[in-house]
N, C-alpha and C. Protein backbone atom coordinates (compact mmCIF):
# COMPACT_ATOMS: atom_id res chain seq x y z
N GLY A 1 -28.11 -79.52 -114.29
CA GLY A 1 -27.03 -79.20 -113.37
C GLY A 1 -26.01 -80.33 -113.32
N MET A 2 -24.98 -80.08 -112.55
CA MET A 2 -23.90 -81.05 -112.39
C MET A 2 -24.28 -82.11 -111.35
N LEU A 3 -24.00 -83.37 -111.67
CA LEU A 3 -24.34 -84.51 -110.82
C LEU A 3 -23.04 -85.11 -110.27
N SER A 4 -22.94 -85.27 -108.94
CA SER A 4 -21.74 -85.83 -108.32
C SER A 4 -22.10 -86.96 -107.35
N PRO A 5 -22.09 -88.22 -107.83
CA PRO A 5 -22.35 -89.34 -106.92
C PRO A 5 -21.08 -89.71 -106.17
N TRP A 6 -21.23 -90.34 -105.02
CA TRP A 6 -20.07 -90.81 -104.25
C TRP A 6 -20.46 -92.04 -103.43
N ILE A 7 -19.46 -92.80 -103.05
CA ILE A 7 -19.66 -93.98 -102.22
C ILE A 7 -18.46 -94.07 -101.28
N ALA A 8 -18.69 -94.51 -100.03
CA ALA A 8 -17.62 -94.58 -99.04
C ALA A 8 -17.82 -95.79 -98.14
N ALA A 9 -16.73 -96.43 -97.79
CA ALA A 9 -16.76 -97.53 -96.83
C ALA A 9 -16.00 -97.09 -95.58
N SER A 10 -16.52 -97.48 -94.43
CA SER A 10 -15.84 -97.20 -93.16
C SER A 10 -16.08 -98.36 -92.22
N GLY A 11 -15.25 -98.49 -91.24
CA GLY A 11 -15.45 -99.59 -90.32
C GLY A 11 -14.52 -99.52 -89.13
N ASN A 12 -14.67 -100.49 -88.26
CA ASN A 12 -13.86 -100.62 -87.06
C ASN A 12 -13.40 -102.05 -86.94
N GLY A 13 -12.21 -102.22 -86.40
CA GLY A 13 -11.75 -103.54 -86.05
C GLY A 13 -12.35 -103.93 -84.70
N ARG A 14 -11.96 -105.09 -84.21
CA ARG A 14 -12.46 -105.55 -82.91
C ARG A 14 -12.09 -104.55 -81.83
N GLN A 15 -13.04 -104.25 -80.93
CA GLN A 15 -12.81 -103.35 -79.80
C GLN A 15 -12.93 -104.16 -78.52
N TRP A 16 -11.85 -104.26 -77.77
CA TRP A 16 -11.86 -105.00 -76.51
C TRP A 16 -12.49 -104.14 -75.43
N LEU A 17 -13.35 -104.73 -74.62
CA LEU A 17 -14.05 -103.99 -73.57
C LEU A 17 -13.28 -103.99 -72.25
N ASP A 18 -12.32 -104.89 -72.12
CA ASP A 18 -11.48 -104.89 -70.92
C ASP A 18 -10.14 -105.54 -71.27
N GLY A 19 -9.30 -105.75 -70.29
CA GLY A 19 -7.97 -106.27 -70.52
C GLY A 19 -7.89 -107.77 -70.76
N ARG A 20 -9.02 -108.47 -70.72
CA ARG A 20 -9.00 -109.93 -70.91
C ARG A 20 -8.78 -110.34 -72.36
N ASN A 21 -9.13 -109.46 -73.30
CA ASN A 21 -9.01 -109.74 -74.73
C ASN A 21 -9.75 -111.01 -75.14
N GLU A 22 -10.95 -111.22 -74.60
CA GLU A 22 -11.79 -112.36 -74.96
C GLU A 22 -12.84 -111.90 -75.97
N ASP A 23 -13.08 -112.71 -77.00
CA ASP A 23 -14.06 -112.35 -78.02
C ASP A 23 -15.44 -112.06 -77.43
N ALA A 24 -15.84 -112.80 -76.40
CA ALA A 24 -17.16 -112.61 -75.78
C ALA A 24 -17.26 -111.27 -75.06
N ARG A 25 -16.12 -110.62 -74.79
CA ARG A 25 -16.11 -109.33 -74.10
C ARG A 25 -15.52 -108.27 -75.02
N SER A 26 -16.02 -108.30 -76.26
CA SER A 26 -15.52 -107.34 -77.26
C SER A 26 -16.66 -106.92 -78.19
N VAL A 27 -16.41 -105.87 -78.94
CA VAL A 27 -17.33 -105.42 -79.99
C VAL A 27 -16.79 -106.01 -81.30
N GLU A 28 -17.66 -106.72 -82.01
CA GLU A 28 -17.26 -107.37 -83.27
C GLU A 28 -16.86 -106.33 -84.31
N PRO A 29 -15.90 -106.66 -85.18
CA PRO A 29 -15.54 -105.76 -86.28
C PRO A 29 -16.73 -105.57 -87.23
N PHE A 30 -16.78 -104.41 -87.87
CA PHE A 30 -17.85 -104.18 -88.85
C PHE A 30 -17.36 -103.20 -89.91
N THR A 31 -18.00 -103.28 -91.08
CA THR A 31 -17.75 -102.35 -92.18
C THR A 31 -19.10 -101.85 -92.69
N LEU A 32 -19.19 -100.56 -92.88
CA LEU A 32 -20.43 -99.93 -93.37
C LEU A 32 -20.20 -99.29 -94.73
N LEU A 33 -21.24 -99.24 -95.52
CA LEU A 33 -21.20 -98.63 -96.84
C LEU A 33 -22.20 -97.47 -96.86
N ASP A 34 -21.71 -96.29 -97.23
CA ASP A 34 -22.55 -95.10 -97.36
C ASP A 34 -22.50 -94.63 -98.80
N ALA A 35 -23.55 -93.96 -99.25
CA ALA A 35 -23.58 -93.45 -100.62
C ALA A 35 -24.33 -92.13 -100.65
N GLY A 36 -24.02 -91.34 -101.64
CA GLY A 36 -24.69 -90.05 -101.73
C GLY A 36 -24.66 -89.49 -103.13
N LEU A 37 -25.36 -88.41 -103.26
CA LEU A 37 -25.49 -87.74 -104.55
C LEU A 37 -25.62 -86.25 -104.30
N SER A 38 -24.85 -85.48 -105.02
CA SER A 38 -24.95 -84.02 -104.93
C SER A 38 -25.35 -83.51 -106.31
N ILE A 39 -26.37 -82.68 -106.34
CA ILE A 39 -26.87 -82.13 -107.61
C ILE A 39 -26.76 -80.62 -107.54
N GLN A 40 -25.95 -80.07 -108.43
CA GLN A 40 -25.79 -78.62 -108.48
C GLN A 40 -26.85 -78.05 -109.43
N LEU A 41 -27.68 -77.18 -108.89
CA LEU A 41 -28.76 -76.58 -109.67
C LEU A 41 -28.39 -75.16 -110.05
N PRO A 42 -28.88 -74.67 -111.16
CA PRO A 42 -28.54 -73.31 -111.58
C PRO A 42 -29.17 -72.27 -110.65
N GLY A 43 -28.49 -71.18 -110.50
CA GLY A 43 -29.01 -70.09 -109.69
C GLY A 43 -29.98 -69.22 -110.49
N PHE A 44 -30.57 -68.27 -109.80
CA PHE A 44 -31.47 -67.32 -110.45
C PHE A 44 -31.58 -66.09 -109.57
N GLU A 45 -31.95 -64.97 -110.17
CA GLU A 45 -32.17 -63.71 -109.47
C GLU A 45 -31.05 -63.42 -108.48
N TYR A 46 -31.31 -63.51 -107.17
CA TYR A 46 -30.34 -63.16 -106.14
C TYR A 46 -29.50 -64.35 -105.66
N LEU A 47 -29.75 -65.53 -106.20
CA LEU A 47 -29.02 -66.72 -105.77
C LEU A 47 -28.00 -67.12 -106.83
N LYS A 48 -26.76 -67.35 -106.40
CA LYS A 48 -25.71 -67.78 -107.33
C LYS A 48 -25.86 -69.24 -107.70
N GLY A 49 -26.42 -70.02 -106.77
CA GLY A 49 -26.58 -71.43 -107.06
C GLY A 49 -27.25 -72.18 -105.92
N LEU A 50 -27.75 -73.33 -106.22
CA LEU A 50 -28.37 -74.22 -105.25
C LEU A 50 -27.69 -75.59 -105.35
N ASN A 51 -27.55 -76.25 -104.23
CA ASN A 51 -26.95 -77.58 -104.23
C ASN A 51 -27.83 -78.51 -103.41
N LEU A 52 -28.35 -79.56 -104.03
CA LEU A 52 -29.18 -80.55 -103.36
C LEU A 52 -28.30 -81.74 -103.02
N ASN A 53 -28.28 -82.13 -101.74
CA ASN A 53 -27.47 -83.26 -101.28
C ASN A 53 -28.38 -84.36 -100.75
N LEU A 54 -28.14 -85.58 -101.21
CA LEU A 54 -28.87 -86.75 -100.74
C LEU A 54 -27.84 -87.74 -100.22
N ARG A 55 -28.10 -88.37 -99.07
CA ARG A 55 -27.15 -89.31 -98.47
C ARG A 55 -27.90 -90.48 -97.84
N VAL A 56 -27.38 -91.70 -98.05
CA VAL A 56 -27.88 -92.90 -97.40
C VAL A 56 -26.72 -93.50 -96.60
N ASN A 57 -26.92 -93.64 -95.30
CA ASN A 57 -25.92 -94.25 -94.43
C ASN A 57 -26.28 -95.72 -94.21
N ASN A 58 -25.28 -96.56 -94.08
CA ASN A 58 -25.47 -98.00 -93.86
C ASN A 58 -26.39 -98.58 -94.94
N VAL A 59 -25.99 -98.38 -96.18
CA VAL A 59 -26.78 -98.78 -97.35
C VAL A 59 -27.25 -100.24 -97.26
N LEU A 60 -26.38 -101.14 -96.79
CA LEU A 60 -26.71 -102.58 -96.74
C LEU A 60 -27.47 -102.96 -95.48
N ASP A 61 -27.79 -101.99 -94.65
CA ASP A 61 -28.56 -102.20 -93.40
C ASP A 61 -27.92 -103.28 -92.52
N ILE A 62 -26.61 -103.17 -92.33
CA ILE A 62 -25.85 -104.12 -91.51
C ILE A 62 -26.23 -103.92 -90.04
N GLU A 63 -26.46 -105.01 -89.31
CA GLU A 63 -26.68 -104.94 -87.87
C GLU A 63 -25.32 -105.03 -87.19
N TYR A 64 -25.01 -104.06 -86.32
CA TYR A 64 -23.71 -104.02 -85.67
C TYR A 64 -23.81 -103.30 -84.33
N GLU A 65 -22.80 -103.51 -83.50
CA GLU A 65 -22.69 -102.77 -82.25
C GLU A 65 -21.62 -101.71 -82.46
N SER A 66 -21.93 -100.47 -82.10
CA SER A 66 -20.97 -99.39 -82.33
C SER A 66 -19.93 -99.29 -81.22
N SER A 67 -20.29 -99.72 -80.01
CA SER A 67 -19.36 -99.70 -78.87
C SER A 67 -19.97 -100.52 -77.73
N GLY A 68 -19.27 -100.58 -76.62
CA GLY A 68 -19.78 -101.34 -75.49
C GLY A 68 -19.02 -101.00 -74.22
N TYR A 69 -19.39 -101.67 -73.15
CA TYR A 69 -18.74 -101.46 -71.85
C TYR A 69 -19.00 -102.66 -70.97
N ILE A 70 -18.27 -102.75 -69.87
CA ILE A 70 -18.48 -103.81 -68.88
C ILE A 70 -19.30 -103.22 -67.74
N GLU A 71 -20.45 -103.83 -67.45
CA GLU A 71 -21.35 -103.35 -66.39
C GLU A 71 -20.65 -103.47 -65.03
N PHE A 72 -20.68 -102.41 -64.25
CA PHE A 72 -20.02 -102.39 -62.95
C PHE A 72 -20.63 -103.38 -61.97
N ASP A 73 -21.97 -103.46 -61.95
CA ASP A 73 -22.66 -104.30 -60.95
C ASP A 73 -22.42 -105.79 -61.12
N ASP A 74 -22.53 -106.30 -62.37
CA ASP A 74 -22.42 -107.74 -62.57
C ASP A 74 -21.20 -108.18 -63.40
N GLY A 75 -20.46 -107.23 -63.92
CA GLY A 75 -19.26 -107.57 -64.70
C GLY A 75 -19.54 -108.12 -66.08
N ASP A 76 -20.80 -108.06 -66.54
CA ASP A 76 -21.15 -108.56 -67.86
C ASP A 76 -21.01 -107.47 -68.92
N PRO A 77 -20.71 -107.85 -70.15
CA PRO A 77 -20.60 -106.86 -71.22
C PRO A 77 -21.97 -106.34 -71.66
N ARG A 78 -22.00 -105.10 -72.06
CA ARG A 78 -23.20 -104.46 -72.64
C ARG A 78 -22.75 -103.78 -73.93
N TRP A 79 -23.64 -103.73 -74.92
CA TRP A 79 -23.30 -103.14 -76.21
C TRP A 79 -24.30 -102.08 -76.61
N PHE A 80 -23.83 -101.10 -77.37
CA PHE A 80 -24.69 -100.08 -77.97
C PHE A 80 -24.92 -100.47 -79.42
N VAL A 81 -26.18 -100.61 -79.81
CA VAL A 81 -26.53 -101.01 -81.17
C VAL A 81 -26.28 -99.84 -82.12
N GLY A 82 -25.67 -100.14 -83.27
CA GLY A 82 -25.40 -99.13 -84.28
C GLY A 82 -26.66 -98.75 -85.04
N ALA A 83 -26.59 -97.64 -85.73
CA ALA A 83 -27.75 -97.11 -86.47
C ALA A 83 -28.09 -97.99 -87.68
N PRO A 84 -29.37 -98.27 -87.90
CA PRO A 84 -29.78 -98.99 -89.11
C PRO A 84 -29.67 -98.05 -90.32
N ARG A 85 -30.04 -98.56 -91.49
CA ARG A 85 -30.03 -97.71 -92.68
C ARG A 85 -30.83 -96.44 -92.39
N ASN A 86 -30.27 -95.32 -92.78
CA ASN A 86 -30.96 -94.04 -92.61
C ASN A 86 -30.54 -93.11 -93.74
N TRP A 87 -31.29 -92.07 -93.94
CA TRP A 87 -31.00 -91.15 -95.03
C TRP A 87 -31.33 -89.72 -94.62
N TYR A 88 -30.81 -88.80 -95.38
CA TYR A 88 -31.21 -87.41 -95.22
C TYR A 88 -30.97 -86.65 -96.51
N ALA A 89 -31.60 -85.52 -96.59
CA ALA A 89 -31.46 -84.64 -97.74
C ALA A 89 -31.20 -83.23 -97.24
N GLY A 90 -30.45 -82.49 -97.99
CA GLY A 90 -30.16 -81.11 -97.61
C GLY A 90 -30.10 -80.22 -98.84
N LEU A 91 -30.28 -78.95 -98.59
CA LEU A 91 -30.23 -77.96 -99.65
C LEU A 91 -29.36 -76.82 -99.18
N SER A 92 -28.31 -76.51 -99.95
CA SER A 92 -27.47 -75.37 -99.62
C SER A 92 -27.67 -74.30 -100.68
N VAL A 93 -27.56 -73.07 -100.24
CA VAL A 93 -27.82 -71.91 -101.11
C VAL A 93 -26.60 -71.01 -101.13
N ASP A 94 -26.13 -70.66 -102.32
CA ASP A 94 -25.05 -69.68 -102.47
C ASP A 94 -25.67 -68.32 -102.79
N LEU A 95 -25.43 -67.37 -101.91
CA LEU A 95 -25.99 -66.03 -102.10
C LEU A 95 -25.05 -65.14 -102.87
């Protein structure tokens, strides 16, 4: 079948959590690398074709914060940790 690899980079610049624009109250910039592979398989009988998709997100397993906020009670910054390396596979069917 036909093989279609791909690679993509995405990222965010610094995100300020409040109007102070202080580095300690911001989310650090980050860049992520994702990669995938699509394999087109031949069809048979009642199926026109099959497509197997494989994807790996955050290939380099970068540690990053995806967003954050300033806690109301104490005024300190809090951050949400970004997803570590993860993967999935899928199969699509053309009828």
